[in-house]
């Protein structure tokens, strides 16, 4: 059960990024800026995992803390920071989507 909870925590951010890309916004500049921040946030979130995987030699263990797996300790900082940023972006995208939908219905 604990493994499933940890998996869900690590999948929420990338999956929510995909969901947030679907939301439309009539303001093109604002949409592009928010999408760029979403991509940057997700890239920052996935960087330690990708680095540990790519820096591990063949036959090595990417989770080894004496090797490239030591970078995974950055998740102690990255997880809350990226989570807060993602939550703020989620709120902004929902608000802007609702306002765009309201303006479209008004016209």
PDB file of N, CA and C in Angstrom:
ATOM      1  N   UNK A   1       0.818  -1.192   0.000  1.00  0.00           N
ATOM      2  CA  UNK A   1       0.000   0.000   0.000  1.00  0.00           C
ATOM      3  C   UNK A   1       0.864   1.259   0.000  1.00  0.00           C
ATOM      4  N   UNK A   2       1.948   1.248   0.746  1.00  0.00           N
ATOM      5  CA  UNK A   2       2.824   2.416   0.802  1.00  0.00           C
ATOM      6  C   UNK A   2       3.454   2.694  -0.556  1.00  0.00           C
ATOM      7  N   UNK A   3       3.807   1.625  -1.278  1.00  0.00           N
ATOM      8  CA  UNK A   3       4.410   1.814  -2.592  1.00  0.00           C
ATOM      9  C   UNK A   3       3.441   2.467  -3.561  1.00  0.00           C
ATOM     10  N   UNK A   4       2.177   2.128  -3.477  1.00  0.00           N
ATOM     11  CA  UNK A   4       1.176   2.730  -4.352  1.00  0.00           C
ATOM     12  C   UNK A   4       1.004   4.201  -4.014  1.00  0.00           C
ATOM     13  N   UNK A   5       1.015   4.543  -2.741  1.00  0.00           N
ATOM     14  CA  UNK A   5       0.899   5.938  -2.328  1.00  0.00           C
ATOM     15  C   UNK A   5       2.090   6.753  -2.834  1.00  0.00           C
ATOM     16  N   UNK A   6       3.276   6.229  -2.723  1.00  0.00           N
ATOM     17  CA  UNK A   6       4.469   6.925  -3.212  1.00  0.00           C
ATOM     18  C   UNK A   6       4.403   7.083  -4.721  1.00  0.00           C
ATOM     19  N   UNK A   7       3.966   6.054  -5.423  1.00  0.00           N
ATOM     20  CA  UNK A   7       3.819   6.126  -6.873  1.00  0.00           C
ATOM     21  C   UNK A   7       2.820   7.204  -7.261  1.00  0.00           C
ATOM     22  N   UNK A   8       1.713   7.284  -6.558  1.00  0.00           N
ATOM     23  CA  UNK A   8       0.713   8.307  -6.854  1.00  0.00           C
ATOM     24  C   UNK A   8       1.255   9.715  -6.612  1.00  0.00           C
ATOM     25  N   UNK A   9       2.029   9.889  -5.559  1.00  0.00           N
ATOM     26  CA  UNK A   9       2.611  11.196  -5.278  1.00  0.00           C
ATOM     27  C   UNK A   9       3.526  11.626  -6.423  1.00  0.00           C
ATOM     28  N   UNK A  10       4.317  10.691  -6.937  1.00  0.00           N
ATOM     29  CA  UNK A  10       5.244  11.035  -8.004  1.00  0.00           C
ATOM     30  C   UNK A  10       4.560  11.156  -9.365  1.00  0.00           C
ATOM     31  N   UNK A  11       3.388  10.586  -9.537  1.00  0.00           N
ATOM     32  CA  UNK A  11       2.688  10.679 -10.814  1.00  0.00           C
ATOM     33  C   UNK A  11       1.712  11.845 -10.887  1.00  0.00           C
ATOM     34  N   UNK A  12       1.332  12.409  -9.767  1.00  0.00           N
ATOM     35  CA  UNK A  12       0.356  13.493  -9.763  1.00  0.00           C
ATOM     36  C   UNK A  12       0.862  14.688 -10.563  1.00  0.00           C
ATOM     37  N   UNK A  13       2.088  15.081 -10.371  1.00  0.00           N
ATOM     38  CA  UNK A  13       2.599  16.275 -11.031  1.00  0.00           C
ATOM     39  C   UNK A  13       2.676  16.108 -12.546  1.00  0.00           C
ATOM     40  N   UNK A  14       3.301  15.062 -13.087  1.00  0.00           N
ATOM     41  CA  UNK A  14       3.326  14.943 -14.556  1.00  0.00           C
ATOM     42  C   UNK A  14       1.940  14.749 -15.177  1.00  0.00           C
ATOM     43  N   UNK A  15       1.064  14.007 -14.519  1.00  0.00           N
ATOM     44  CA  UNK A  15      -0.273  13.794 -15.075  1.00  0.00           C
ATOM     45  C   UNK A  15      -1.090  15.082 -15.014  1.00  0.00           C
ATOM     46  N   UNK A  16      -0.957  15.838 -13.935  1.00  0.00           N
ATOM     47  CA  UNK A  16      -1.692  17.099 -13.858  1.00  0.00           C
ATOM     48  C   UNK A  16      -1.168  18.099 -14.887  1.00  0.00           C
ATOM     49  N   UNK A  17       0.106  18.031 -15.229  1.00  0.00           N
ATOM     50  CA  UNK A  17       0.650  18.898 -16.267  1.00  0.00           C
ATOM     51  C   UNK A  17      -0.014  18.594 -17.608  1.00  0.00           C
ATOM     52  N   UNK A  18      -0.168  17.326 -17.914  1.00  0.00           N
ATOM     53  CA  UNK A  18      -0.837  16.945 -19.166  1.00  0.00           C
ATOM     54  C   UNK A  18      -2.276  17.444 -19.160  1.00  0.00           C
ATOM     55  N   UNK A  19      -2.971  17.294 -18.039  1.00  0.00           N
ATOM     56  CA  UNK A  19      -4.347  17.765 -17.927  1.00  0.00           C
ATOM     57  C   UNK A  19      -4.421  19.281 -18.104  1.00  0.00           C
ATOM     58  N   UNK A  20      -3.476  20.010 -17.523  1.00  0.00           N
ATOM     59  CA  UNK A  20      -3.516  21.469 -17.596  1.00  0.00           C
ATOM     60  C   UNK A  20      -3.220  21.987 -19.002  1.00  0.00           C
ATOM     61  N   UNK A  21      -2.492  21.218 -19.817  1.00  0.00           N
ATOM     62  CA  UNK A  21      -2.262  21.619 -21.197  1.00  0.00           C
ATOM     63  C   UNK A  21      -3.557  21.605 -21.998  1.00  0.00           C
ATOM     64  N   UNK A  22      -4.502  20.778 -21.613  1.00  0.00           N
ATOM     65  CA  UNK A  22      -5.755  20.645 -22.346  1.00  0.00           C
ATOM     66  C   UNK A  22      -6.647  21.870 -22.149  1.00  0.00           C
ATOM     67  N   UNK A  23      -6.560  22.505 -20.996  1.00  0.00           N
ATOM     68  CA  UNK A  23      -7.411  23.654 -20.711  1.00  0.00           C
ATOM     69  C   UNK A  23      -7.078  24.811 -21.648  1.00  0.00           C
ATOM     70  N   UNK A  24      -8.100  25.386 -22.240  1.00  0.00           N
ATOM     71  CA  UNK A  24      -7.920  26.470 -23.204  1.00  0.00           C
ATOM     72  C   UNK A  24      -7.967  27.820 -22.505  1.00  0.00           C
ATOM     73  N   UNK A  25      -7.269  28.755 -23.114  1.00  0.00           N
ATOM     74  CA  UNK A  25      -7.262  30.132 -22.644  1.00  0.00           C
ATOM     75  C   UNK A  25      -7.219  31.014 -23.883  1.00  0.00           C
ATOM     76  N   UNK A  26      -8.082  32.013 -23.956  1.00  0.00           N
ATOM     77  CA  UNK A  26      -8.131  32.877 -25.132  1.00  0.00           C
ATOM     78  C   UNK A  26      -6.938  33.812 -25.225  1.00  0.00           C
ATOM     79  N   UNK A  27      -6.327  34.134 -24.097  1.00  0.00           N
ATOM     80  CA  UNK A  27      -5.148  34.999 -24.094  1.00  0.00           C
ATOM     81  C   UNK A  27      -3.923  34.155 -24.439  1.00  0.00           C
ATOM     82  N   UNK A  28      -3.434  34.311 -25.663  1.00  0.00           N
ATOM     83  CA  UNK A  28      -2.352  33.463 -26.165  1.00  0.00           C
ATOM     84  C   UNK A  28      -1.043  33.659 -25.396  1.00  0.00           C
ATOM     85  N   UNK A  29      -0.703  34.898 -25.077  1.00  0.00           N
ATOM     86  CA  UNK A  29       0.548  35.168 -24.361  1.00  0.00           C
ATOM     87  C   UNK A  29       0.520  34.540 -22.968  1.00  0.00           C
ATOM     88  N   UNK A  30      -0.578  34.729 -22.264  1.00  0.00           N
ATOM     89  CA  UNK A  30      -0.713  34.154 -20.919  1.00  0.00           C
ATOM     90  C   UNK A  30      -0.669  32.629 -20.971  1.00  0.00           C
ATOM     91  N   UNK A  31      -1.329  32.034 -21.965  1.00  0.00           N
ATOM     92  CA  UNK A  31      -1.327  30.582 -22.123  1.00  0.00           C
ATOM     93  C   UNK A  31       0.083  30.065 -22.386  1.00  0.00           C
ATOM     94  N   UNK A  32       0.839  30.754 -23.250  1.00  0.00           N
ATOM     95  CA  UNK A  32       2.205  30.327 -23.555  1.00  0.00           C
ATOM     96  C   UNK A  32       3.122  30.438 -22.340  1.00  0.00           C
ATOM     97  N   UNK A  33       2.971  31.492 -21.574  1.00  0.00           N
ATOM     98  CA  UNK A  33       3.801  31.672 -20.369  1.00  0.00           C
ATOM     99  C   UNK A  33       3.488  30.587 -19.342  1.00  0.00           C
ATOM    100  N   UNK A  34       2.205  30.337 -19.103  1.00  0.00           N
ATOM    101  CA  UNK A  34       1.833  29.307 -18.124  1.00  0.00           C
ATOM    102  C   UNK A  34       2.267  27.917 -18.594  1.00  0.00           C
ATOM    103  N   UNK A  35       2.154  27.648 -19.882  1.00  0.00           N
ATOM    104  CA  UNK A  35       2.598  26.349 -20.391  1.00  0.00           C
ATOM    105  C   UNK A  35       4.114  26.197 -20.275  1.00  0.00           C
ATOM    106  N   UNK A  36       4.858  27.274 -20.499  1.00  0.00           N
ATOM    107  CA  UNK A  36       6.308  27.219 -20.323  1.00  0.00           C
ATOM    108  C   UNK A  36       6.666  26.931 -18.866  1.00  0.00           C
ATOM    109  N   UNK A  37       5.982  27.603 -17.937  1.00  0.00           N
ATOM    110  CA  UNK A  37       6.257  27.370 -16.514  1.00  0.00           C
ATOM    111  C   UNK A  37       5.878  25.939 -16.128  1.00  0.00           C
ATOM    112  N   UNK A  38       4.795  25.418 -16.697  1.00  0.00           N
ATOM    113  CA  UNK A  38       4.412  24.027 -16.444  1.00  0.00           C
ATOM    114  C   UNK A  38       5.497  23.057 -16.907  1.00  0.00           C
ATOM    115  N   UNK A  39       6.024  23.292 -18.106  1.00  0.00           N
ATOM    116  CA  UNK A  39       7.080  22.426 -18.632  1.00  0.00           C
ATOM    117  C   UNK A  39       8.338  22.540 -17.779  1.00  0.00           C
ATOM    118  N   UNK A  40       8.700  23.762 -17.390  1.00  0.00           N
ATOM    119  CA  UNK A  40       9.895  23.957 -16.563  1.00  0.00           C
ATOM    120  C   UNK A  40       9.726  23.285 -15.197  1.00  0.00           C
ATOM    121  N   UNK A  41       8.555  23.401 -14.611  1.00  0.00           N
ATOM    122  CA  UNK A  41       8.294  22.791 -13.308  1.00  0.00           C
ATOM    123  C   UNK A  41       8.369  21.267 -13.390  1.00  0.00           C
ATOM    124  N   UNK A  42       7.776  20.702 -14.421  1.00  0.00           N
ATOM    125  CA  UNK A  42       7.814  19.248 -14.587  1.00  0.00           C
ATOM    126  C   UNK A  42       9.225  18.766 -14.888  1.00  0.00           C
ATOM    127  N   UNK A  43       9.974  19.537 -15.680  1.00  0.00           N
ATOM    128  CA  UNK A  43      11.363  19.166 -15.977  1.00  0.00           C
ATOM    129  C   UNK A  43      12.214  19.191 -14.711  1.00  0.00           C
ATOM    130  N   UNK A  44      12.028  20.225 -13.893  1.00  0.00           N
ATOM    131  CA  UNK A  44      12.757  20.302 -12.627  1.00  0.00           C
ATOM    132  C   UNK A  44      12.391  19.125 -11.727  1.00  0.00           C
ATOM    133  N   UNK A  45      11.124  18.757 -11.724  1.00  0.00           N
ATOM    134  CA  UNK A  45      10.647  17.651 -10.901  1.00  0.00           C
ATOM    135  C   UNK A  45      11.254  16.319 -11.345  1.00  0.00           C
ATOM    136  N   UNK A  46      11.374  16.100 -12.646  1.00  0.00           N
ATOM    137  CA  UNK A  46      11.862  14.826 -13.165  1.00  0.00           C
ATOM    138  C   UNK A  46      13.385  14.768 -13.312  1.00  0.00           C
ATOM    139  N   UNK A  47      14.079  15.903 -13.158  1.00  0.00           N
ATOM    140  CA  UNK A  47      15.522  15.943 -13.373  1.00  0.00           C
ATOM    141  C   UNK A  47      16.309  14.964 -12.502  1.00  0.00           C
ATOM    142  N   UNK A  48      16.118  14.927 -11.169  1.00  0.00           N
ATOM    143  CA  UNK A  48      16.926  13.999 -10.364  1.00  0.00           C
ATOM    144  C   UNK A  48      16.735  12.536 -10.757  1.00  0.00           C
ATOM    145  N   UNK A  49      15.515  12.162 -11.054  1.00  0.00           N
ATOM    146  CA  UNK A  49      15.248  10.782 -11.448  1.00  0.00           C
ATOM    147  C   UNK A  49      15.904  10.459 -12.789  1.00  0.00           C
ATOM    148  N   UNK A  50      15.795  11.370 -13.738  1.00  0.00           N
ATOM    149  CA  UNK A  50      16.414  11.157 -15.050  1.00  0.00           C
ATOM    150  C   UNK A  50      17.937  11.126 -14.930  1.00  0.00           C
ATOM    151  N   UNK A  51      18.502  12.008 -14.110  1.00  0.00           N
ATOM    152  CA  UNK A  51      19.956  12.028 -13.944  1.00  0.00           C
ATOM    153  C   UNK A  51      20.448  10.732 -13.316  1.00  0.00           C
ATOM    154  N   UNK A  52      19.767  10.275 -12.281  1.00  0.00           N
ATOM    155  CA  UNK A  52      20.183   9.031 -11.624  1.00  0.00           C
ATOM    156  C   UNK A  52      20.111   7.858 -12.594  1.00  0.00           C
ATOM    157  N   UNK A  53      19.105   7.848 -13.441  1.00  0.00           N
ATOM    158  CA  UNK A  53      18.968   6.761 -14.409  1.00  0.00           C
ATOM    159  C   UNK A  53      20.056   6.842 -15.483  1.00  0.00           C
ATOM    160  N   UNK A  54      20.264   8.031 -16.032  1.00  0.00           N
ATOM    161  CA  UNK A  54      21.216   8.176 -17.137  1.00  0.00           C
ATOM    162  C   UNK A  54      22.671   8.086 -16.686  1.00  0.00           C
ATOM    163  N   UNK A  55      22.973   8.470 -15.459  1.00  0.00           N
ATOM    164  CA  UNK A  55      24.357   8.458 -14.978  1.00  0.00           C
ATOM    165  C   UNK A  55      24.786   7.083 -14.467  1.00  0.00           C
ATOM    166  N   UNK A  56      23.848   6.170 -14.330  1.00  0.00           N
ATOM    167  CA  UNK A  56      24.180   4.834 -13.849  1.00  0.00           C
ATOM    168  C   UNK A  56      24.739   4.014 -15.004  1.00  0.00           C
ATOM    169  N   UNK A  57      25.884   3.407 -14.758  1.00  0.00           N
ATOM    170  CA  UNK A  57      26.501   2.557 -15.772  1.00  0.00           C
ATOM    171  C   UNK A  57      25.720   1.263 -15.947  1.00  0.00           C
ATOM    172  N   UNK A  58      26.073   0.529 -16.984  1.00  0.00           N
ATOM    173  CA  UNK A  58      25.371  -0.728 -17.220  1.00  0.00           C
ATOM    174  C   UNK A  58      25.682  -1.698 -16.082  1.00  0.00           C
ATOM    175  N   UNK A  59      24.661  -2.341 -15.605  1.00  0.00           N
ATOM    176  CA  UNK A  59      24.812  -3.267 -14.489  1.00  0.00           C
ATOM    177  C   UNK A  59      24.843  -2.574 -13.141  1.00  0.00           C
ATOM    178  N   UNK A  60      24.703  -1.247 -13.124  1.00  0.00           N
ATOM    179  CA  UNK A  60      24.724  -0.494 -11.868  1.00  0.00           C
ATOM    180  C   UNK A  60      23.341  -0.371 -11.268  1.00  0.00           C
ATOM    181  N   UNK A  61      23.285   0.266 -10.136  1.00  0.00           N
ATOM    182  CA  UNK A  61      22.037   0.461  -9.419  1.00  0.00           C
ATOM    183  C   UNK A  61      21.797   1.953  -9.284  1.00  0.00           C
ATOM    184  N   UNK A  62      20.750   2.455  -9.927  1.00  0.00           N
ATOM    185  CA  UNK A  62      20.491   3.895  -9.890  1.00  0.00           C
ATOM    186  C   UNK A  62      20.048   4.381  -8.504  1.00  0.00           C
ATOM    187  N   UNK A  63      19.670   3.489  -7.627  1.00  0.00           N
ATOM    188  CA  UNK A  63      19.221   3.859  -6.288  1.00  0.00           C
ATOM    189  C   UNK A  63      20.373   3.866  -5.276  1.00  0.00           C
ATOM    190  N   UNK A  64      21.571   3.502  -5.696  1.00  0.00           N
ATOM    191  CA  UNK A  64      22.738   3.446  -4.823  1.00  0.00           C
ATOM    192  C   UNK A  64      23.122   4.867  -4.390  1.00  0.00           C
ATOM    193  N   UNK A  65      23.135   5.110  -3.106  1.00  0.00           N
ATOM    194  CA  UNK A  65      23.440   6.445  -2.595  1.00  0.00           C
ATOM    195  C   UNK A  65      24.921   6.792  -2.671  1.00  0.00           C
ATOM    196  N   UNK A  66      25.766   5.833  -2.939  1.00  0.00           N
ATOM    197  CA  UNK A  66      27.187   6.109  -3.091  1.00  0.00           C
ATOM    198  C   UNK A  66      27.532   6.454  -4.535  1.00  0.00           C
ATOM    199  N   UNK A  67      26.544   6.434  -5.405  1.00  0.00           N
ATOM    200  CA  UNK A  67      26.742   6.753  -6.808  1.00  0.00           C
ATOM    201  C   UNK A  67      25.792   7.868  -7.212  1.00  0.00           C
ATOM    202  N   UNK A  68      25.289   7.776  -8.434  1.00  0.00           N
ATOM    203  CA  UNK A  68      24.395   8.829  -8.916  1.00  0.00           C
ATOM    204  C   UNK A  68      23.053   8.884  -8.185  1.00  0.00           C
ATOM    205  N   UNK A  69      22.713   7.851  -7.449  1.00  0.00           N
ATOM    206  CA  UNK A  69      21.448   7.852  -6.711  1.00  0.00           C
ATOM    207  C   UNK A  69      21.405   8.857  -5.571  1.00  0.00           C
ATOM    208  N   UNK A  70      22.545   9.412  -5.207  1.00  0.00           N
ATOM    209  CA  UNK A  70      22.572  10.412  -4.132  1.00  0.00           C
ATOM    210  C   UNK A  70      21.788  11.662  -4.505  1.00  0.00           C
ATOM    211  N   UNK A  71      21.658  11.919  -5.808  1.00  0.00           N
ATOM    212  CA  UNK A  71      20.911  13.104  -6.240  1.00  0.00           C
ATOM    213  C   UNK A  71      19.427  12.981  -5.913  1.00  0.00           C
ATOM    214  N   UNK A  72      18.959  11.774  -5.674  1.00  0.00           N
ATOM    215  CA  UNK A  72      17.545  11.580  -5.358  1.00  0.00           C
ATOM    216  C   UNK A  72      17.154  12.214  -4.025  1.00  0.00           C
ATOM    217  N   UNK A  73      18.142  12.530  -3.197  1.00  0.00           N
ATOM    218  CA  UNK A  73      17.848  13.231  -1.942  1.00  0.00           C
ATOM    219  C   UNK A  73      17.349  14.650  -2.200  1.00  0.00           C
ATOM    220  N   UNK A  74      17.551  15.154  -3.422  1.00  0.00           N
ATOM    221  CA  UNK A  74      17.026  16.481  -3.761  1.00  0.00           C
ATOM    222  C   UNK A  74      15.500  16.522  -3.723  1.00  0.00           C
ATOM    223  N   UNK A  75      14.881  15.356  -3.819  1.00  0.00           N
ATOM    224  CA  UNK A  75      13.416  15.332  -3.761  1.00  0.00           C
ATOM    225  C   UNK A  75      12.881  15.837  -2.429  1.00  0.00           C
ATOM    226  N   UNK A  76      13.712  15.840  -1.403  1.00  0.00           N
ATOM    227  CA  UNK A  76      13.286  16.415  -0.124  1.00  0.00           C
ATOM    228  C   UNK A  76      12.988  17.908  -0.287  1.00  0.00           C
ATOM    229  N   UNK A  77      13.683  18.574  -1.200  1.00  0.00           N
ATOM    230  CA  UNK A  77      13.443  19.989  -1.487  1.00  0.00           C
ATOM    231  C   UNK A  77      12.516  20.181  -2.677  1.00  0.00           C
ATOM    232  N   UNK A  78      12.744  19.391  -3.715  1.00  0.00           N
ATOM    233  CA  UNK A  78      12.044  19.596  -4.982  1.00  0.00           C
ATOM    234  C   UNK A  78      10.569  19.237  -4.885  1.00  0.00           C
ATOM    235  N   UNK A  79      10.228  18.190  -4.183  1.00  0.00           N
ATOM    236  CA  UNK A  79       8.835  17.748  -4.123  1.00  0.00           C
ATOM    237  C   UNK A  79       7.908  18.827  -3.543  1.00  0.00           C
ATOM    238  N   UNK A  80       8.222  19.428  -2.400  1.00  0.00           N
ATOM    239  CA  UNK A  80       7.310  20.464  -1.903  1.00  0.00           C
ATOM    240  C   UNK A  80       7.306  21.724  -2.769  1.00  0.00           C
ATOM    241  N   UNK A  81       8.467  22.119  -3.268  1.00  0.00           N
ATOM    242  CA  UNK A  81       8.540  23.334  -4.083  1.00  0.00           C
ATOM    243  C   UNK A  81       7.745  23.152  -5.372  1.00  0.00           C
ATOM    244  N   UNK A  82       7.996  22.053  -6.083  1.00  0.00           N
ATOM    245  CA  UNK A  82       7.280  21.802  -7.338  1.00  0.00           C
ATOM    246  C   UNK A  82       5.801  21.569  -7.086  1.00  0.00           C
ATOM    247  N   UNK A  83       5.467  20.957  -5.976  1.00  0.00           N
ATOM    248  CA  UNK A  83       4.059  20.749  -5.641  1.00  0.00           C
ATOM    249  C   UNK A  83       3.321  22.052  -5.422  1.00  0.00           C
ATOM    250  N   UNK A  84       3.939  22.983  -4.720  1.00  0.00           N
ATOM    251  CA  UNK A  84       3.318  24.292  -4.480  1.00  0.00           C
ATOM    252  C   UNK A  84       3.173  25.057  -5.789  1.00  0.00           C
ATOM    253  N   UNK A  85       4.224  25.055  -6.599  1.00  0.00           N
ATOM    254  CA  UNK A  85       4.163  25.733  -7.895  1.00  0.00           C
ATOM    255  C   UNK A  85       3.074  25.113  -8.766  1.00  0.00           C
ATOM    256  N   UNK A  86       2.990  23.793  -8.785  1.00  0.00           N
ATOM    257  CA  UNK A  86       1.982  23.117  -9.595  1.00  0.00           C
ATOM    258  C   UNK A  86       0.574  23.459  -9.110  1.00  0.00           C
ATOM    259  N   UNK A  87       0.379  23.549  -7.809  1.00  0.00           N
ATOM    260  CA  UNK A  87      -0.931  23.901  -7.273  1.00  0.00           C
ATOM    261  C   UNK A  87      -1.312  25.320  -7.681  1.00  0.00           C
ATOM    262  N   UNK A  88      -0.373  26.255  -7.614  1.00  0.00           N
ATOM    263  CA  UNK A  88      -0.638  27.636  -8.030  1.00  0.00           C
ATOM    264  C   UNK A  88      -0.969  27.684  -9.518  1.00  0.00           C
ATOM    265  N   UNK A  89      -0.195  26.953 -10.324  1.00  0.00           N
ATOM    266  CA  UNK A  89      -0.473  26.913 -11.764  1.00  0.00           C
ATOM    267  C   UNK A  89      -1.826  26.276 -12.049  1.00  0.00           C
ATOM    268  N   UNK A  90      -2.165  25.263 -11.293  1.00  0.00           N
ATOM    269  CA  UNK A  90      -3.476  24.624 -11.435  1.00  0.00           C
ATOM    270  C   UNK A  90      -4.595  25.626 -11.183  1.00  0.00           C
ATOM    271  N   UNK A  91      -4.486  26.382 -10.096  1.00  0.00           N
ATOM    272  CA  UNK A  91      -5.502  27.387  -9.787  1.00  0.00           C
ATOM    273  C   UNK A  91      -5.583  28.455 -10.868  1.00  0.00           C
ATOM    274  N   UNK A  92      -4.428  28.938 -11.332  1.00  0.00           N
ATOM    275  CA  UNK A  92      -4.421  29.968 -12.369  1.00  0.00           C
ATOM    276  C   UNK A  92      -5.045  29.456 -13.661  1.00  0.00           C
ATOM    277  N   UNK A  93      -4.686  28.243 -14.069  1.00  0.00           N
ATOM    278  CA  UNK A  93      -5.238  27.696 -15.305  1.00  0.00           C
ATOM    279  C   UNK A  93      -6.754  27.507 -15.198  1.00  0.00           C
ATOM    280  N   UNK A  94      -7.238  27.050 -14.059  1.00  0.00           N
ATOM    281  CA  UNK A  94      -8.685  26.877 -13.871  1.00  0.00           C
ATOM    282  C   UNK A  94      -9.387  28.231 -13.912  1.00  0.00           C
ATOM    283  N   UNK A  95      -8.831  29.226 -13.240  1.00  0.00           N
ATOM    284  CA  UNK A  95      -9.431  30.569 -13.228  1.00  0.00           C
ATOM    285  C   UNK A  95      -9.453  31.160 -14.630  1.00  0.00           C
ATOM    286  N   UNK A  96      -8.339  31.060 -15.355  1.00  0.00           N
ATOM    287  CA  UNK A  96      -8.276  31.626 -16.691  1.00  0.00           C
ATOM    288  C   UNK A  96      -9.167  30.854 -17.667  1.00  0.00           C
ATOM    289  N   UNK A  97      -9.286  29.552 -17.483  1.00  0.00           N
ATOM    290  CA  UNK A  97     -10.183  28.757 -18.320  1.00  0.00           C
ATOM    291  C   UNK A  97     -11.631  29.180 -18.091  1.00  0.00           C
ATOM    292  N   UNK A  98     -12.009  29.368 -16.844  1.00  0.00           N
ATOM    293  CA  UNK A  98     -13.376  29.792 -16.532  1.00  0.00           C
ATOM    294  C   UNK A  98     -13.657  31.190 -17.082  1.00  0.00           C
ATOM    295  N   UNK A  99     -12.688  32.098 -16.952  1.00  0.00           N
ATOM    296  CA  UNK A  99     -12.904  33.453 -17.467  1.00  0.00           C
ATOM    297  C   UNK A  99     -12.984  33.453 -18.987  1.00  0.00           C
ATOM    298  N   UNK A 100     -12.193  32.621 -19.651  1.00  0.00           N
ATOM    299  CA  UNK A 100     -12.263  32.529 -21.112  1.00  0.00           C
ATOM    300  C   UNK A 100     -13.596  31.929 -21.556  1.00  0.00           C
ATOM    301  N   UNK A 101     -14.068  30.944 -20.816  1.00  0.00           N
ATOM    302  CA  UNK A 101     -15.349  30.324 -21.129  1.00  0.00           C
ATOM    303  C   UNK A 101     -16.487  31.330 -20.908  1.00  0.00           C
ATOM    304  N   UNK A 102     -16.358  32.129 -19.858  1.00  0.00           N
ATOM    305  CA  UNK A 102     -17.386  33.134 -19.558  1.00  0.00           C
ATOM    306  C   UNK A 102     -17.413  34.211 -20.642  1.00  0.00           C
ATOM    307  N   UNK A 103     -16.232  34.650 -21.091  1.00  0.00           N
ATOM    308  CA  UNK A 103     -16.169  35.665 -22.149  1.00  0.00           C
ATOM    309  C   UNK A 103     -16.718  35.121 -23.453  1.00  0.00           C
ATOM    310  N   UNK A 104     -16.438  33.861 -23.758  1.00  0.00           N
ATOM    311  CA  UNK A 104     -16.939  33.262 -24.986  1.00  0.00           C
ATOM    312  C   UNK A 104     -18.474  33.153 -24.951  1.00  0.00           C
ATOM    313  N   UNK A 105     -19.021  32.824 -23.806  1.00  0.00           N
ATOM    314  CA  UNK A 105     -20.470  32.717 -23.668  1.00  0.00           C
ATOM    315  C   UNK A 105     -21.129  34.091 -23.707  1.00  0.00           C
ATOM    316  N   UNK A 106     -20.409  35.104 -23.241  1.00  0.00           N
ATOM    317  CA  UNK A 106     -20.936  36.470 -23.200  1.00  0.00           C
ATOM    318  C   UNK A 106     -21.033  37.048 -24.608  1.00  0.00           C
ATOM    319  N   UNK A 107     -20.079  36.700 -25.462  1.00  0.00           N
ATOM    320  CA  UNK A 107     -20.064  37.255 -26.843  1.00  0.00           C
ATOM    321  C   UNK A 107     -20.941  36.501 -27.742  1.00  0.00           C
TER     322      UNK A 107
END
